[in-house]
Amino acid sequence: PEEALREAMLERIKKDWSSTETKVTLDFKGLRLRDLGVIALCQAIDVRPNVCELVLQVQGLTCTGLTQLGELLTSTKNLEKLDLWGNQFGDEGLRALSQGLKLN
């Protein structure tokens, strides 16, 4: 199942990034990428600065994934919307994310 999720993520990235648009929305709602999938996604987004919206609803994220997202926010200035609805990551995860927002 994890390999299938990774493949779905890669296909969605290829489809969305094959667009010639200067602003791209990536919607991974409900794929349950978890922390490892989101870490890989953040690494990919870091080299593709045209992502303006990232939907990560119900991914099963913890503080680890939020820390990576916080780091992404410090280096990616084009991200305008980040949707994390349905994840339960606690106070530590929120602190990591807010640190990235402050530096953005």
C-alpha atoms as a PDB file:
ATOM      1  CA  PRO A   1       0.000   0.000   0.000  1.00  0.00           C
ATOM      2  CA  GLU A   2       2.802   2.512   0.778  1.00  0.00           C
ATOM      3  CA  GLU A   3       4.364   1.929  -2.646  1.00  0.00           C
ATOM      4  CA  ALA A   4       1.003   2.523  -4.312  1.00  0.00           C
ATOM      5  CA  LEU A   5       0.635   5.797  -2.401  1.00  0.00           C
ATOM      6  CA  ARG A   6       4.083   6.923  -3.486  1.00  0.00           C
ATOM      7  CA  GLU A   7       3.246   6.084  -7.089  1.00  0.00           C
ATOM      8  CA  ALA A   8      -0.033   8.016  -6.850  1.00  0.00           C
ATOM      9  CA  MET A   9       1.844  10.969  -5.402  1.00  0.00           C
ATOM     10  CA  LEU A  10       4.448  10.906  -8.166  1.00  0.00           C
ATOM     11  CA  GLU A  11       1.786  10.665 -10.870  1.00  0.00           C
ATOM     12  CA  ARG A  12      -0.099  13.605  -9.405  1.00  0.00           C
ATOM     13  CA  ILE A  13       3.103  15.645  -9.207  1.00  0.00           C
ATOM     14  CA  LYS A  14       3.985  14.809 -12.818  1.00  0.00           C
ATOM     15  CA  LYS A  15       0.499  15.770 -13.998  1.00  0.00           C
ATOM     16  CA  ASP A  16       0.351  18.995 -12.025  1.00  0.00           C
ATOM     17  CA  TRP A  17       3.910  20.043 -12.857  1.00  0.00           C
ATOM     18  CA  SER A  18       3.620  19.261 -16.537  1.00  0.00           C
ATOM     19  CA  SER A  19       1.387  22.295 -16.691  1.00  0.00           C
ATOM     20  CA  THR A  20       2.874  25.469 -18.123  1.00  0.00           C
ATOM     21  CA  GLU A  21       1.126  27.519 -15.463  1.00  0.00           C
ATOM     22  CA  THR A  22       3.313  29.649 -13.281  1.00  0.00           C
ATOM     23  CA  LYS A  23       1.254  28.743 -10.202  1.00  0.00           C
ATOM     24  CA  VAL A  24       0.480  25.126  -9.372  1.00  0.00           C
ATOM     25  CA  THR A  25      -1.894  23.566  -6.833  1.00  0.00           C
ATOM     26  CA  LEU A  26      -1.035  20.126  -5.460  1.00  0.00           C
ATOM     27  CA  ASP A  27      -4.006  18.339  -3.880  1.00  0.00           C
ATOM     28  CA  PHE A  28      -3.199  15.147  -1.951  1.00  0.00           C
ATOM     29  CA  LYS A  29      -6.394  15.134   0.100  1.00  0.00           C
ATOM     30  CA  GLY A  30      -6.931  11.791   1.822  1.00  0.00           C
ATOM     31  CA  LEU A  31      -3.974   9.883   0.345  1.00  0.00           C
ATOM     32  CA  ARG A  32      -2.517   9.327   3.843  1.00  0.00           C
ATOM     33  CA  LEU A  33       1.040   9.984   2.757  1.00  0.00           C
ATOM     34  CA  ARG A  34       2.082  10.169   6.391  1.00  0.00           C
ATOM     35  CA  ASP A  35       5.332  11.772   7.443  1.00  0.00           C
ATOM     36  CA  LEU A  36       7.654   9.956   5.021  1.00  0.00           C
ATOM     37  CA  GLY A  37       5.515  10.783   2.018  1.00  0.00           C
ATOM     38  CA  VAL A  38       5.219  14.421   3.041  1.00  0.00           C
ATOM     39  CA  ILE A  39       8.973  14.646   3.623  1.00  0.00           C
ATOM     40  CA  ALA A  40       9.574  13.385   0.068  1.00  0.00           C
ATOM     41  CA  LEU A  41       6.945  15.786  -1.233  1.00  0.00           C
ATOM     42  CA  CYS A  42       8.570  18.737   0.545  1.00  0.00           C
ATOM     43  CA  GLN A  43      11.910  17.853  -1.012  1.00  0.00           C
ATOM     44  CA  ALA A  44      10.305  17.833  -4.450  1.00  0.00           C
ATOM     45  CA  ILE A  45       8.494  21.130  -3.872  1.00  0.00           C
ATOM     46  CA  ASP A  46      11.680  22.773  -2.667  1.00  0.00           C
ATOM     47  CA  VAL A  47      13.130  22.506  -6.184  1.00  0.00           C
ATOM     48  CA  ARG A  48       9.855  23.507  -7.915  1.00  0.00           C
ATOM     49  CA  PRO A  49       9.019  26.954  -6.590  1.00  0.00           C
ATOM     50  CA  ASN A  50       5.823  27.375  -8.641  1.00  0.00           C
ATOM     51  CA  VAL A  51       3.662  25.518  -6.083  1.00  0.00           C
ATOM     52  CA  CYS A  52       1.281  28.114  -4.633  1.00  0.00           C
ATOM     53  CA  GLU A  53      -1.240  25.809  -2.926  1.00  0.00           C
ATOM     54  CA  LEU A  54      -0.685  22.521  -1.104  1.00  0.00           C
ATOM     55  CA  VAL A  55      -3.615  20.452   0.168  1.00  0.00           C
ATOM     56  CA  LEU A  56      -2.598  17.830   2.735  1.00  0.00           C
ATOM     57  CA  GLN A  57      -5.923  17.003   4.371  1.00  0.00           C
ATOM     58  CA  VAL A  58      -6.083  13.761   6.390  1.00  0.00           C
ATOM     59  CA  GLN A  59      -2.483  12.650   5.862  1.00  0.00           C
ATOM     60  CA  GLY A  60      -1.744  11.201   9.300  1.00  0.00           C
ATOM     61  CA  LEU A  61       0.937  13.812   9.915  1.00  0.00           C
ATOM     62  CA  THR A  62       2.859  14.047  13.170  1.00  0.00           C
ATOM     63  CA  CYS A  63       5.414  16.518  14.451  1.00  0.00           C
ATOM     64  CA  THR A  64       8.015  15.006  12.088  1.00  0.00           C
ATOM     65  CA  GLY A  65       6.017  15.908   8.985  1.00  0.00           C
ATOM     66  CA  LEU A  66       5.140  19.348  10.350  1.00  0.00           C
ATOM     67  CA  THR A  67       8.804  20.043  11.064  1.00  0.00           C
ATOM     68  CA  GLN A  68       9.616  19.304   7.418  1.00  0.00           C
ATOM     69  CA  LEU A  69       6.750  21.519   6.259  1.00  0.00           C
ATOM     70  CA  GLY A  70       8.048  24.284   8.522  1.00  0.00           C
ATOM     71  CA  GLU A  71      11.468  23.991   6.913  1.00  0.00           C
ATOM     72  CA  LEU A  72       9.861  24.111   3.467  1.00  0.00           C
ATOM     73  CA  LEU A  73       8.077  27.332   4.398  1.00  0.00           C
ATOM     74  CA  THR A  74      11.375  29.015   5.213  1.00  0.00           C
ATOM     75  CA  SER A  75      12.702  28.393   1.700  1.00  0.00           C
ATOM     76  CA  THR A  76       9.540  28.495  -0.456  1.00  0.00           C
ATOM     77  CA  LYS A  77       8.117  31.981  -0.765  1.00  0.00           C
ATOM     78  CA  ASN A  78       5.442  31.170  -3.389  1.00  0.00           C
ATOM     79  CA  LEU A  79       3.324  28.896  -1.200  1.00  0.00           C
ATOM     80  CA  GLU A  80       0.185  30.939  -0.500  1.00  0.00           C
ATOM     81  CA  LYS A  81      -2.116  28.280   0.946  1.00  0.00           C
ATOM     82  CA  LEU A  82      -1.405  25.200   3.049  1.00  0.00           C
ATOM     83  CA  ASP A  83      -4.438  23.071   3.993  1.00  0.00           C
ATOM     84  CA  LEU A  84      -3.748  20.664   6.877  1.00  0.00           C
ATOM     85  CA  TRP A  85      -7.332  19.919   7.911  1.00  0.00           C
ATOM     86  CA  GLY A  86      -7.872  16.520   9.526  1.00  0.00           C
ATOM     87  CA  ASN A  87      -4.330  15.999  10.841  1.00  0.00           C
ATOM     88  CA  GLN A  88      -3.630  15.692  14.556  1.00  0.00           C
ATOM     89  CA  PHE A  89      -0.075  16.778  15.216  1.00  0.00           C
ATOM     90  CA  GLY A  90      -0.178  18.427  18.636  1.00  0.00           C
ATOM     91  CA  ASP A  91       1.481  21.474  20.100  1.00  0.00           C
ATOM     92  CA  GLU A  92       5.031  20.503  19.132  1.00  0.00           C
ATOM     93  CA  GLY A  93       4.046  20.125  15.484  1.00  0.00           C
ATOM     94  CA  LEU A  94       2.286  23.481  15.537  1.00  0.00           C
ATOM     95  CA  ARG A  95       5.387  25.120  17.008  1.00  0.00           C
ATOM     96  CA  ALA A  96       7.538  23.668  14.215  1.00  0.00           C
ATOM     97  CA  LEU A  97       5.109  24.888  11.573  1.00  0.00           C
ATOM     98  CA  SER A  98       4.735  28.337  13.118  1.00  0.00           C
ATOM     99  CA  GLN A  99       8.520  28.756  13.162  1.00  0.00           C
ATOM    100  CA  GLY A 100       8.529  28.237   9.389  1.00  0.00           C
ATOM    101  CA  LEU A 101       5.679  30.715   8.968  1.00  0.00           C
ATOM    102  CA  LYS A 102       7.554  33.357  10.952  1.00  0.00           C
ATOM    103  CA  LEU A 103      10.590  33.002   8.720  1.00  0.00           C
ATOM    104  CA  ASN A 104       8.593  33.025   5.483  1.00  0.00           C
END
